[in-house]
Amino acid sequence: MRKKEIVIGGTYQVKVSGQLVSVKLTGRSSYGGWAGTNLSTGRTIHIRTAGRLRAAVDDAALKGMIPSARLTAKAVELRYVGSVYYIDHDLYLVAPGKKPKLIGHHVAEAEAWLAEKAG
C-alpha cells in the first residue's frame, strides 16, 4: 500500500510473525509509521512503513466477531493461516480473503477440529 492510501481507524491485513492477521490502526507512532492493534491477539504493534500493509479489510465483515487468542495460537501452531473468532457463540476460522469456516460450537470441539485437520 501507499502512505496516502492509509486511513487511521481502518483495518488492514499485515504479516506479523509470518502470519497474515487483521490489524486496526489506532494512530501515528512517535517513532514514525503507525500504531495498531492485532485483532487476533489484542496486542499493540508498530508498523514502520506502508509497504507492510497488504490490503484493507471491510470492517462490516469483522462486526460481531470476538477474537480467540488461545485458539488462534493453536491454529498457528498447527500451521493454519487465519485467526479464530467467536461469532454468535460459534467458533469460526477466518483466513484472509476467504469466508469464515465454522469449526465448532464450543472450544473443545474447535480444538478437536483443528487437530483432526492437522493430521
Foldseek 3Di string as FASTA:
>chain_A
DAPVPDDQQFWFFFQDPNATFIWHWHAADPVAATWTAGQQARDIDGDHHPVRTDGTDDVVLCPQWHHDNVVQVVLVVLPHHATWTQHVQFIWGDHPPDHTHTQGNDDVSNSVSSVVVSD
